[in-house]
Protein backbone atom coordinates (compact mmCIF):
# COMPACT_ATOMS: atom_id res chain seq x y z
CA MET A 1 98.09 103.17 73.04
CA MET A 2 100.97 104.94 71.88
CA ASN A 3 103.56 103.77 69.66
CA GLN A 4 106.39 103.92 71.54
CA PRO A 5 106.09 102.15 74.91
CA ILE A 6 105.68 104.75 77.65
CA ALA A 7 107.73 103.00 80.09
CA GLN A 8 110.80 103.45 77.68
CA THR A 9 110.56 107.23 77.26
CA GLY A 10 113.22 108.08 79.99
CA ALA A 11 116.23 109.49 78.94
CA GLN A 12 119.27 107.19 80.47
CA THR A 13 122.40 108.77 82.02
CA GLY A 14 124.31 106.17 83.46
CA ASP A 15 122.63 103.68 85.78
CA VAL A 16 119.68 106.05 86.33
CA GLU A 17 117.31 107.49 83.69
CA GLN A 18 115.92 110.84 84.03
CA PRO A 19 112.26 111.12 85.07
CA TYR A 20 109.48 111.83 82.60
CA GLN A 21 106.16 112.97 82.98
CA ILE A 22 102.76 111.39 81.68
CA ARG A 23 99.24 112.56 81.85
CA CYS A 24 95.62 111.44 81.10
CA ASP A 25 93.21 114.10 81.10
CA ARG A 26 89.98 112.34 82.06
CA LEU A 27 91.67 110.39 84.98
CA PRO A 28 90.22 111.47 88.43
CA LEU A 29 92.70 112.53 91.30
CA ALA A 30 92.00 109.44 93.41
CA ILE A 31 92.98 107.44 90.51
CA TYR A 32 96.07 109.37 89.99
CA ARG A 33 96.99 108.50 93.49
CA GLU A 34 96.23 105.00 92.84
CA VAL A 35 98.52 104.74 89.69
CA VAL A 36 100.98 106.20 91.74
CA ALA A 37 100.70 103.85 94.69
CA HIS A 38 101.01 100.92 92.41
CA LEU A 39 103.95 102.28 90.38
CA ARG A 40 105.82 102.94 93.85
CA GLN A 41 105.46 99.29 94.48
CA VAL A 42 107.76 98.11 91.71
CA ALA A 43 111.19 97.61 92.43
CA GLY A 44 113.74 100.37 91.54
CA VAL A 45 110.67 102.97 90.26
CA GLU A 46 109.74 106.03 91.78
CA ALA A 47 106.90 108.27 91.08
CA GLY A 48 104.84 111.35 92.32
CA LEU A 49 102.13 113.46 91.30
CA LEU A 50 102.42 116.76 89.07
CA PRO A 51 100.50 120.11 90.08
CA GLN A 52 97.65 121.18 87.97
CA THR A 53 98.86 123.99 85.49
CA SER A 54 95.44 125.10 84.39
CA GLN A 55 93.67 128.46 85.58
CA LYS A 56 90.49 127.38 84.75
CA PHE A 57 88.57 124.81 86.67
CA ASP A 58 86.90 121.91 84.43
CA TYR A 59 85.16 119.38 86.16
CA LEU A 60 85.68 116.76 83.88
CA GLN A 61 89.27 117.17 83.86
CA SER A 62 91.59 115.76 86.13
CA GLN A 63 92.54 117.75 89.30
CA VAL A 64 96.33 117.41 88.82
CA GLY A 65 98.75 117.99 85.91
CA GLY A 66 100.17 114.33 85.77
CA LEU A 67 102.52 112.01 87.09
CA TRP A 68 106.45 111.50 86.83
CA ILE A 69 108.20 108.29 87.02
CA GLN A 70 111.75 107.77 87.27
CA TYR A 71 113.84 104.63 87.16
CA THR A 72 116.73 103.96 89.37
CA ALA A 73 119.67 101.68 89.23
CA ALA A 74 117.35 98.77 90.96
CA ALA A 75 115.07 98.85 87.92
CA ASP A 76 115.36 95.76 85.32
CA GLN A 77 113.45 94.59 82.64
CA ALA A 78 110.94 93.08 84.55
CA SER A 79 110.51 96.27 86.42
CA HIS A 80 109.97 98.34 83.14
CA LEU A 81 107.36 95.47 81.90
CA ARG A 82 105.43 96.16 84.97
CA VAL A 83 105.20 99.81 84.61
CA GLU A 84 103.87 99.33 81.21
CA GLN A 85 101.44 96.96 82.48
CA ILE A 86 100.04 99.08 85.08
CA LEU A 87 100.11 102.03 82.73
CA ALA A 88 98.15 99.87 80.24
CA TYR A 89 95.76 98.61 82.73
CA TYR A 90 94.64 102.46 83.51
CA GLY A 91 94.96 103.58 80.17
CA ASP A 92 92.35 100.65 78.61
CA ARG A 93 90.15 102.29 81.43
CA TYR A 94 90.42 105.82 81.25
CA GLY A 95 92.19 106.87 78.21
CA ASN A 96 95.59 107.07 76.40
CA TRP A 97 98.52 108.72 78.39
CA GLU A 98 100.57 111.30 76.81
CA VAL A 99 103.90 112.27 77.50
CA VAL A 100 104.16 115.73 79.13
CA LYS A 101 107.03 118.02 77.72
CA PRO A 102 109.03 118.89 80.88
CA THR A 103 109.13 123.26 81.40
CA GLU A 104 112.54 124.57 81.11
CA LYS A 105 113.72 126.46 84.30
């Protein structure tokens, strides 16, 4: 597990935190979709999938680039805790999550 809780990595601007991106290289596409579905059920949390950026196909790697998470003004401390629990559950089964550095546009 990472030293800093993943659910606390978004930069806060006003009442809404900036989205942040994470990935787990060995997480299958179906499980990524499951994680996003679980995260979307948490009050004040938005989540989605990132596109795969690798040009080379590797069967053992995921078919997506990761997922993004954003907290809205409706998110409270319980929402952050629940997100951390969901990510820990999948991290225990598939490997550690890592924060993806967003690309500059």
